[in-house]
Amino acid sequence: MKAADTVYGLHAVRVMLERHPERVVSVRLSERRDDPRVRGIEELARRHNRPVQRVDAHSLKQMLGDVAHQGVVAEIASLPAWTEDTLLAALSAPSSTAPPLLLALDGVQDPHNLGACLRTADACGALAVVVPKDRAAQLTPTVRKVAAGAAETTPVVAVTNLVRTLKLLKDAGLWIVGADAEGPRAAHEVDLKVGIVLVLGAEGAGLRQLTRQTCDWIVRLPSLGAVESLNVSVAAAMLLYETVRQRTVTP
């Protein structure tokens, strides 16, 4: 039997039913909710012949705990997890698309930040998001909800040693670009049209020293206000979209 994951929240479950209905094992809906959005999800599930069950609030709380599930939960078949080897193989596979774009998070611990980073990485065409296995947020139902479907299209690669992985990616031809508020170069001054890994540090602590030393460039984002640094998911979004801007601007 395939391993299963849990997805909850109106948007995340709807996206799964729209994009990957074959992976939806079952759907549970709160018996208290009969509004148009929930009825739409129920109709979508039945259209794809996915089992739907109405359950009480206590059952949902037992299943998920105290989370904002919005009365909508789906059990889905897990995708095979990407490993470091999977990632390197994907980079070496023949492709006619743009140069590879990866996002690496150096110890980001807030699942909401990881989910938000995943959502933007997906929107910007990133191949994958790389995170350390230890002392960092992993792919959980909370992350899936915040990612709003992006966790099903953009792999999260959990690695034992982030610095070693970055060195392997560098050997594979990618440039490593770290972000820091005090970086010597502005992001728009660095060529992001080549194959790159954007690396952001943990909330508050920033990049670890060994990670910083592995980077080819350290860049900063423009800041005109009094706040010293940006939220990591906001900074990631700005760097990802700067990459997209550079790659799509007309010469």
C-alpha atoms as a PDB file:
ATOM      1  CA  MET A   1       0.000   0.000   0.000  1.00  0.00           C
ATOM      2  CA  LYS A   2       1.273   3.482  -0.865  1.00  0.00           C
ATOM      3  CA  ALA A   3       2.117   5.860   1.950  1.00  0.00           C
ATOM      4  CA  ALA A   4      -0.460   8.584   2.490  1.00  0.00           C
ATOM      5  CA  ASP A   5      -0.276  12.254   3.409  1.00  0.00           C
ATOM      6  CA  THR A   6      -2.919  14.595   4.774  1.00  0.00           C
ATOM      7  CA  VAL A   7      -3.941  17.829   3.078  1.00  0.00           C
ATOM      8  CA  TYR A   8      -6.395  20.228   4.687  1.00  0.00           C
ATOM      9  CA  GLY A   9      -7.928  23.598   3.931  1.00  0.00           C
ATOM     10  CA  LEU A  10     -10.332  24.697   1.199  1.00  0.00           C
ATOM     11  CA  HIS A  11      -7.777  25.805  -1.367  1.00  0.00           C
ATOM     12  CA  ALA A  12      -5.237  23.008  -0.872  1.00  0.00           C
ATOM     13  CA  VAL A  13      -7.845  20.238  -1.171  1.00  0.00           C
ATOM     14  CA  ARG A  14      -9.539  21.860  -4.164  1.00  0.00           C
ATOM     15  CA  VAL A  15      -6.195  22.174  -5.976  1.00  0.00           C
ATOM     16  CA  MET A  16      -5.477  18.481  -5.363  1.00  0.00           C
ATOM     17  CA  LEU A  17      -8.867  17.482  -6.773  1.00  0.00           C
ATOM     18  CA  GLU A  18      -8.401  19.736  -9.807  1.00  0.00           C
ATOM     19  CA  ARG A  19      -4.788  18.866 -10.632  1.00  0.00           C
ATOM     20  CA  HIS A  20      -4.178  15.404  -9.186  1.00  0.00           C
ATOM     21  CA  PRO A  21      -7.528  13.687  -8.553  1.00  0.00           C
ATOM     22  CA  GLU A  22      -5.972  10.258  -9.059  1.00  0.00           C
ATOM     23  CA  ARG A  23      -3.877  10.777  -5.912  1.00  0.00           C
ATOM     24  CA  VAL A  24      -6.818  11.699  -3.673  1.00  0.00           C
ATOM     25  CA  VAL A  25      -7.670   8.654  -1.569  1.00  0.00           C
ATOM     26  CA  SER A  26     -10.601  10.139   0.353  1.00  0.00           C
ATOM     27  CA  VAL A  27     -12.177  13.447   1.360  1.00  0.00           C
ATOM     28  CA  ARG A  28     -13.727  14.317   4.716  1.00  0.00           C
ATOM     29  CA  LEU A  29     -15.954  17.345   5.126  1.00  0.00           C
ATOM     30  CA  SER A  30     -17.389  18.916   8.251  1.00  0.00           C
ATOM     31  CA  GLU A  31     -21.064  18.116   8.643  1.00  0.00           C
ATOM     32  CA  ARG A  32     -21.532  21.705   9.827  1.00  0.00           C
ATOM     33  CA  ARG A  33     -20.420  23.259   6.544  1.00  0.00           C
ATOM     34  CA  ASP A  34     -22.845  23.502   3.657  1.00  0.00           C
ATOM     35  CA  ASP A  35     -21.624  26.676   1.977  1.00  0.00           C
ATOM     36  CA  PRO A  36     -20.927  26.956  -1.779  1.00  0.00           C
ATOM     37  CA  ARG A  37     -17.146  26.415  -1.493  1.00  0.00           C
ATOM     38  CA  VAL A  38     -17.485  23.182   0.466  1.00  0.00           C
ATOM     39  CA  ARG A  39     -20.315  21.958  -1.777  1.00  0.00           C
ATOM     40  CA  GLY A  40     -18.059  22.675  -4.762  1.00  0.00           C
ATOM     41  CA  ILE A  41     -15.310  20.491  -3.288  1.00  0.00           C
ATOM     42  CA  GLU A  42     -17.833  17.715  -2.588  1.00  0.00           C
ATOM     43  CA  GLU A  43     -19.122  17.864  -6.167  1.00  0.00           C
ATOM     44  CA  LEU A  44     -15.583  17.855  -7.546  1.00  0.00           C
ATOM     45  CA  ALA A  45     -14.665  14.792  -5.466  1.00  0.00           C
ATOM     46  CA  ARG A  46     -17.764  12.886  -6.557  1.00  0.00           C
ATOM     47  CA  ARG A  47     -17.141  13.842 -10.192  1.00  0.00           C
ATOM     48  CA  HIS A  48     -13.749  12.129  -9.919  1.00  0.00           C
ATOM     49  CA  ASN A  49     -15.253   9.167  -8.022  1.00  0.00           C
ATOM     50  CA  ARG A  50     -13.329   9.990  -4.852  1.00  0.00           C
ATOM     51  CA  PRO A  51     -14.928   8.778  -1.569  1.00  0.00           C
ATOM     52  CA  VAL A  52     -16.500  11.633   0.413  1.00  0.00           C
ATOM     53  CA  GLN A  53     -17.555  11.435   4.035  1.00  0.00           C
ATOM     54  CA  ARG A  54     -19.308  13.984   6.258  1.00  0.00           C
ATOM     55  CA  VAL A  55     -17.856  13.937   9.787  1.00  0.00           C
ATOM     56  CA  ASP A  56     -18.336  15.856  13.026  1.00  0.00           C
ATOM     57  CA  ALA A  57     -15.978  18.482  14.439  1.00  0.00           C
ATOM     58  CA  HIS A  58     -14.662  16.104  17.089  1.00  0.00           C
ATOM     59  CA  SER A  59     -13.484  13.624  14.438  1.00  0.00           C
ATOM     60  CA  LEU A  60     -11.625  16.344  12.553  1.00  0.00           C
ATOM     61  CA  LYS A  61      -9.968  17.573  15.738  1.00  0.00           C
ATOM     62  CA  GLN A  62      -8.893  14.032  16.634  1.00  0.00           C
ATOM     63  CA  MET A  63      -7.418  13.632  13.180  1.00  0.00           C
ATOM     64  CA  LEU A  64      -5.630  16.988  12.878  1.00  0.00           C
ATOM     65  CA  GLY A  65      -5.462  18.660  16.283  1.00  0.00           C
ATOM     66  CA  ASP A  66      -6.011  22.386  16.695  1.00  0.00           C
ATOM     67  CA  VAL A  67      -5.372  23.618  13.162  1.00  0.00           C
ATOM     68  CA  ALA A  68      -7.350  25.842  10.816  1.00  0.00           C
ATOM     69  CA  HIS A  69      -8.630  22.999   8.636  1.00  0.00           C
ATOM     70  CA  GLN A  70     -11.728  24.932   7.460  1.00  0.00           C
ATOM     71  CA  GLY A  71     -13.752  21.736   7.695  1.00  0.00           C
ATOM     72  CA  VAL A  72     -12.042  20.151   4.664  1.00  0.00           C
ATOM     73  CA  VAL A  73      -9.504  17.297   4.779  1.00  0.00           C
ATOM     74  CA  ALA A  74      -8.161  14.912   2.154  1.00  0.00           C
ATOM     75  CA  GLU A  75      -5.961  11.859   2.395  1.00  0.00           C
ATOM     76  CA  ILE A  76      -3.639  11.688  -0.602  1.00  0.00           C
ATOM     77  CA  ALA A  77      -1.173   9.148  -1.951  1.00  0.00           C
ATOM     78  CA  SER A  78       2.375  10.317  -1.258  1.00  0.00           C
ATOM     79  CA  LEU A  79       4.762  11.135  -4.059  1.00  0.00           C
ATOM     80  CA  PRO A  80       8.176   9.459  -3.934  1.00  0.00           C
ATOM     81  CA  ALA A  81      10.466  11.688  -1.893  1.00  0.00           C
ATOM     82  CA  TRP A  82      13.292  13.367  -3.757  1.00  0.00           C
ATOM     83  CA  THR A  83      16.786  12.724  -2.453  1.00  0.00           C
ATOM     84  CA  GLU A  84      20.071  14.439  -3.175  1.00  0.00           C
ATOM     85  CA  ASP A  85      20.686  11.836  -5.905  1.00  0.00           C
ATOM     86  CA  THR A  86      17.236  12.459  -7.428  1.00  0.00           C
ATOM     87  CA  LEU A  87      17.969  16.177  -7.553  1.00  0.00           C
ATOM     88  CA  LEU A  88      21.362  15.725  -9.222  1.00  0.00           C
ATOM     89  CA  ALA A  89      19.836  13.301 -11.740  1.00  0.00           C
ATOM     90  CA  ALA A  90      17.112  15.840 -12.570  1.00  0.00           C
ATOM     91  CA  LEU A  91      19.776  18.471 -13.216  1.00  0.00           C
ATOM     92  CA  SER A  92      21.681  16.188 -15.576  1.00  0.00           C
ATOM     93  CA  ALA A  93      18.583  15.128 -17.530  1.00  0.00           C
ATOM     94  CA  PRO A  94      18.302  16.653 -21.021  1.00  0.00           C
ATOM     95  CA  SER A  95      16.059  19.714 -20.981  1.00  0.00           C
ATOM     96  CA  SER A  96      15.201  22.573 -23.313  1.00  0.00           C
ATOM     97  CA  THR A  97      13.862  24.779 -20.534  1.00  0.00           C
ATOM     98  CA  ALA A  98      15.527  27.760 -18.866  1.00  0.00           C
ATOM     99  CA  PRO A  99      18.689  27.261 -16.760  1.00  0.00           C
ATOM    100  CA  PRO A 100      17.920  25.500 -13.461  1.00  0.00           C
ATOM    101  CA  LEU A 101      16.605  27.532 -10.544  1.00  0.00           C
ATOM    102  CA  LEU A 102      16.697  26.071  -7.029  1.00  0.00           C
ATOM    103  CA  LEU A 103      15.799  27.513  -3.648  1.00  0.00           C
ATOM    104  CA  ALA A 104      17.719  26.369  -0.548  1.00  0.00           C
ATOM    105  CA  LEU A 105      16.611  27.269   2.981  1.00  0.00           C
ATOM    106  CA  ASP A 106      19.333  27.103   5.603  1.00  0.00           C
ATOM    107  CA  GLY A 107      17.455  26.044   8.730  1.00  0.00           C
ATOM    108  CA  VAL A 108      14.096  27.794   8.256  1.00  0.00           C
ATOM    109  CA  GLN A 109      11.945  26.437  11.087  1.00  0.00           C
ATOM    110  CA  ASP A 110       8.526  28.052  10.681  1.00  0.00           C
ATOM    111  CA  PRO A 111       6.294  25.765   8.579  1.00  0.00           C
ATOM    112  CA  HIS A 112       4.331  28.804   7.378  1.00  0.00           C
ATOM    113  CA  ASN A 113       7.526  30.274   5.944  1.00  0.00           C
ATOM    114  CA  LEU A 114       8.409  26.997   4.216  1.00  0.00           C
ATOM    115  CA  GLY A 115       4.896  26.780   2.758  1.00  0.00           C
ATOM    116  CA  ALA A 116       5.021  30.361   1.504  1.00  0.00           C
ATOM    117  CA  CYS A 117       8.478  29.771  -0.021  1.00  0.00           C
ATOM    118  CA  LEU A 118       7.182  26.658  -1.773  1.00  0.00           C
ATOM    119  CA  ARG A 119       4.253  28.545  -3.232  1.00  0.00           C
ATOM    120  CA  THR A 120       6.471  31.261  -4.698  1.00  0.00           C
ATOM    121  CA  ALA A 121       9.110  28.760  -5.857  1.00  0.00           C
ATOM    122  CA  ASP A 122       6.414  26.927  -7.796  1.00  0.00           C
ATOM    123  CA  ALA A 123       5.126  30.171  -9.323  1.00  0.00           C
ATOM    124  CA  CYS A 124       8.643  31.092 -10.443  1.00  0.00           C
ATOM    125  CA  GLY A 125       9.441  27.717 -11.990  1.00  0.00           C
ATOM    126  CA  ALA A 126      11.962  26.472  -9.424  1.00  0.00           C
ATOM    127  CA  LEU A 127      12.994  22.860  -9.892  1.00  0.00           C
ATOM    128  CA  ALA A 128      12.985  22.094  -6.150  1.00  0.00           C
ATOM    129  CA  VAL A 129      13.359  23.512  -2.648  1.00  0.00           C
ATOM    130  CA  VAL A 130      16.258  22.127  -0.610  1.00  0.00           C
ATOM    131  CA  VAL A 131      16.183  21.996   3.208  1.00  0.00           C
ATOM    132  CA  PRO A 132      18.311  20.314   5.893  1.00  0.00           C
ATOM    133  CA  LYS A 133      16.838  17.202   7.505  1.00  0.00           C
ATOM    134  CA  ASP A 134      17.640  18.422  11.031  1.00  0.00           C
ATOM    135  CA  ARG A 135      16.556  21.578  12.857  1.00  0.00           C
ATOM    136  CA  ALA A 136      14.444  22.803   9.949  1.00  0.00           C
ATOM    137  CA  ALA A 137      10.794  22.704   8.898  1.00  0.00           C
ATOM    138  CA  GLN A 138       9.806  19.657   6.854  1.00  0.00           C
ATOM    139  CA  LEU A 139       6.852  18.874   4.603  1.00  0.00           C
ATOM    140  CA  THR A 140       3.846  18.659   6.956  1.00  0.00           C
ATOM    141  CA  PRO A 141       0.071  19.169   6.541  1.00  0.00           C
ATOM    142  CA  THR A 142       0.529  22.762   7.733  1.00  0.00           C
ATOM    143  CA  VAL A 143       3.182  23.378   5.073  1.00  0.00           C
ATOM    144  CA  ARG A 144       0.950  21.802   2.421  1.00  0.00           C
ATOM    145  CA  LYS A 145      -1.966  24.047   3.397  1.00  0.00           C
ATOM    146  CA  VAL A 146       0.115  27.237   3.202  1.00  0.00           C
ATOM    147  CA  ALA A 147       1.711  26.072  -0.063  1.00  0.00           C
ATOM    148  CA  ALA A 148      -1.805  25.766  -1.545  1.00  0.00           C
ATOM    149  CA  GLY A 149      -0.961  22.923  -3.932  1.00  0.00           C
ATOM    150  CA  ALA A 150       2.665  23.846  -4.660  1.00  0.00           C
ATOM    151  CA  ALA A 151       3.914  20.997  -2.442  1.00  0.00           C
ATOM    152  CA  GLU A 152       2.479  18.614  -5.025  1.00  0.00           C
ATOM    153  CA  THR A 153       4.397  20.135  -7.938  1.00  0.00           C
ATOM    154  CA  THR A 154       7.667  21.430  -6.461  1.00  0.00           C
ATOM    155  CA  PRO A 155       9.671  18.760  -4.619  1.00  0.00           C
ATOM    156  CA  VAL A 156      11.113  19.431  -1.163  1.00  0.00           C
ATOM    157  CA  VAL A 157      14.525  17.777  -0.948  1.00  0.00           C
ATOM    158  CA  ALA A 158      15.629  17.098   2.641  1.00  0.00           C
ATOM    159  CA  VAL A 159      19.416  16.606   2.783  1.00  0.00           C
ATOM    160  CA  THR A 160      21.721  15.467   5.565  1.00  0.00           C
ATOM    161  CA  ASN A 161      24.375  18.131   4.969  1.00  0.00           C
ATOM    162  CA  LEU A 162      23.287  21.307   3.190  1.00  0.00           C
ATOM    163  CA  VAL A 163      26.822  22.591   2.618  1.00  0.00           C
ATOM    164  CA  ARG A 164      27.848  19.321   0.956  1.00  0.00           C
ATOM    165  CA  THR A 165      24.748  19.463  -1.252  1.00  0.00           C
ATOM    166  CA  LEU A 166      25.524  23.048  -2.261  1.00  0.00           C
ATOM    167  CA  LYS A 167      29.064  21.993  -3.216  1.00  0.00           C
ATOM    168  CA  LEU A 168      27.659  19.143  -5.330  1.00  0.00           C
ATOM    169  CA  LEU A 169      25.294  21.580  -7.030  1.00  0.00           C
ATOM    170  CA  LYS A 170      28.220  23.898  -7.667  1.00  0.00           C
ATOM    171  CA  ASP A 171      30.127  20.973  -9.218  1.00  0.00           C
ATOM    172  CA  ALA A 172      27.060  20.368 -11.408  1.00  0.00           C
ATOM    173  CA  GLY A 173      27.492  23.847 -12.865  1.00  0.00           C
ATOM    174  CA  LEU A 174      25.167  25.946 -10.723  1.00  0.00           C
ATOM    175  CA  TRP A 175      26.135  29.224  -9.052  1.00  0.00           C
ATOM    176  CA  ILE A 176      25.309  29.598  -5.359  1.00  0.00           C
ATOM    177  CA  VAL A 177      23.744  32.951  -4.428  1.00  0.00           C
ATOM    178  CA  GLY A 178      23.250  33.673  -0.731  1.00  0.00           C
ATOM    179  CA  ALA A 179      21.036  36.432   0.654  1.00  0.00           C
ATOM    180  CA  ASP A 180      22.042  38.772   3.458  1.00  0.00           C
ATOM    181  CA  ALA A 181      20.857  42.249   4.418  1.00  0.00           C
ATOM    182  CA  GLU A 182      24.503  43.399   4.507  1.00  0.00           C
ATOM    183  CA  GLY A 183      25.512  41.693   1.248  1.00  0.00           C
ATOM    184  CA  PRO A 184      28.165  43.554  -0.775  1.00  0.00           C
ATOM    185  CA  ARG A 185      26.163  43.470  -4.021  1.00  0.00           C
ATOM    186  CA  ALA A 186      22.546  44.265  -4.793  1.00  0.00           C
ATOM    187  CA  ALA A 187      20.562  41.344  -6.213  1.00  0.00           C
ATOM    188  CA  HIS A 188      19.932  43.115  -9.522  1.00  0.00           C
ATOM    189  CA  GLU A 189      23.701  43.556 -10.013  1.00  0.00           C
ATOM    190  CA  VAL A 190      24.301  39.796 -10.146  1.00  0.00           C
ATOM    191  CA  ASP A 191      23.592  37.700 -13.238  1.00  0.00           C
ATOM    192  CA  LEU A 192      20.726  35.398 -12.241  1.00  0.00           C
ATOM    193  CA  LYS A 193      20.065  34.192 -15.784  1.00  0.00           C
ATOM    194  CA  VAL A 194      22.509  31.298 -15.329  1.00  0.00           C
ATOM    195  CA  GLY A 195      21.733  28.116 -13.411  1.00  0.00           C
ATOM    196  CA  ILE A 196      21.550  29.171  -9.756  1.00  0.00           C
ATOM    197  CA  VAL A 197      20.697  28.145  -6.223  1.00  0.00           C
ATOM    198  CA  LEU A 198      19.215  30.951  -4.133  1.00  0.00           C
ATOM    199  CA  VAL A 199      20.104  30.380  -0.463  1.00  0.00           C
ATOM    200  CA  LEU A 200      18.316  32.048   2.437  1.00  0.00           C
ATOM    201  CA  GLY A 201      19.079  31.669   6.128  1.00  0.00           C
ATOM    202  CA  ALA A 202      16.945  30.903   9.126  1.00  0.00           C
ATOM    203  CA  GLU A 203      14.589  33.359  10.770  1.00  0.00           C
ATOM    204  CA  GLY A 204      16.697  35.789  12.799  1.00  0.00           C
ATOM    205  CA  ALA A 205      19.996  33.907  12.522  1.00  0.00           C
ATOM    206  CA  GLY A 206      20.475  34.206   8.779  1.00  0.00           C
ATOM    207  CA  LEU A 207      22.994  32.130   6.860  1.00  0.00           C
ATOM    208  CA  ARG A 208      25.328  29.890   8.858  1.00  0.00           C
ATOM    209  CA  GLN A 209      29.023  30.630   8.413  1.00  0.00           C
ATOM    210  CA  LEU A 210      29.858  27.471   6.446  1.00  0.00           C
ATOM    211  CA  THR A 211      26.880  28.048   4.180  1.00  0.00           C
ATOM    212  CA  ARG A 212      27.965  31.636   3.595  1.00  0.00           C
ATOM    213  CA  GLN A 213      31.487  30.502   2.715  1.00  0.00           C
ATOM    214  CA  THR A 214      30.099  28.098   0.118  1.00  0.00           C
ATOM    215  CA  CYS A 215      28.243  30.856  -1.755  1.00  0.00           C
ATOM    216  CA  ASP A 216      29.706  32.370  -4.911  1.00  0.00           C
ATOM    217  CA  TRP A 217      27.882  35.644  -4.278  1.00  0.00           C
ATOM    218  CA  ILE A 218      26.188  37.242  -1.284  1.00  0.00           C
ATOM    219  CA  VAL A 219      23.497  39.682  -2.319  1.00  0.00           C
ATOM    220  CA  ARG A 220      21.192  42.121  -0.576  1.00  0.00           C
ATOM    221  CA  LEU A 221      17.715  43.345  -1.372  1.00  0.00           C
ATOM    222  CA  PRO A 222      16.867  47.048  -1.480  1.00  0.00           C
ATOM    223  CA  SER A 223      15.530  48.377   1.817  1.00  0.00           C
ATOM    224  CA  LEU A 224      14.445  51.980   2.192  1.00  0.00           C
ATOM    225  CA  GLY A 225      12.590  51.713   5.497  1.00  0.00           C
ATOM    226  CA  ALA A 226      13.475  51.351   9.154  1.00  0.00           C
ATOM    227  CA  VAL A 227      12.989  47.566   9.373  1.00  0.00           C
ATOM    228  CA  GLU A 228      16.376  45.844   9.495  1.00  0.00           C
ATOM    229  CA  SER A 229      15.461  42.664   7.620  1.00  0.00           C
ATOM    230  CA  LEU A 230      12.608  41.038   5.733  1.00  0.00           C
ATOM    231  CA  ASN A 231      10.680  37.910   6.608  1.00  0.00           C
ATOM    232  CA  VAL A 232      12.484  34.966   4.969  1.00  0.00           C
ATOM    233  CA  SER A 233       9.526  34.040   2.761  1.00  0.00           C
ATOM    234  CA  VAL A 234       9.212  37.649   1.571  1.00  0.00           C
ATOM    235  CA  ALA A 235      12.938  37.844   0.842  1.00  0.00           C
ATOM    236  CA  ALA A 236      12.772  34.530  -1.020  1.00  0.00           C
ATOM    237  CA  ALA A 237       9.863  35.804  -3.103  1.00  0.00           C
ATOM    238  CA  MET A 238      11.716  38.998  -4.006  1.00  0.00           C
ATOM    239  CA  LEU A 239      14.841  37.081  -5.076  1.00  0.00           C
ATOM    240  CA  LEU A 240      12.856  34.511  -7.040  1.00  0.00           C
ATOM    241  CA  TYR A 241      10.971  37.220  -8.891  1.00  0.00           C
ATOM    242  CA  GLU A 242      14.184  39.171  -9.533  1.00  0.00           C
ATOM    243  CA  THR A 243      15.446  35.990 -11.189  1.00  0.00           C
ATOM    244  CA  VAL A 244      12.276  35.729 -13.284  1.00  0.00           C
ATOM    245  CA  ARG A 245      12.559  39.425 -14.179  1.00  0.00           C
ATOM    246  CA  GLN A 246      16.118  39.027 -15.412  1.00  0.00           C
ATOM    247  CA  ARG A 247      15.243  35.937 -17.401  1.00  0.00           C
ATOM    248  CA  THR A 248      12.218  37.433 -19.095  1.00  0.00           C
ATOM    249  CA  VAL A 249      13.260  41.042 -19.705  1.00  0.00           C
ATOM    250  CA  THR A 250      13.557  41.968 -23.379  1.00  0.00           C
ATOM    251  CA  PRO A 251      17.149  42.898 -24.337  1.00  0.00           C
END
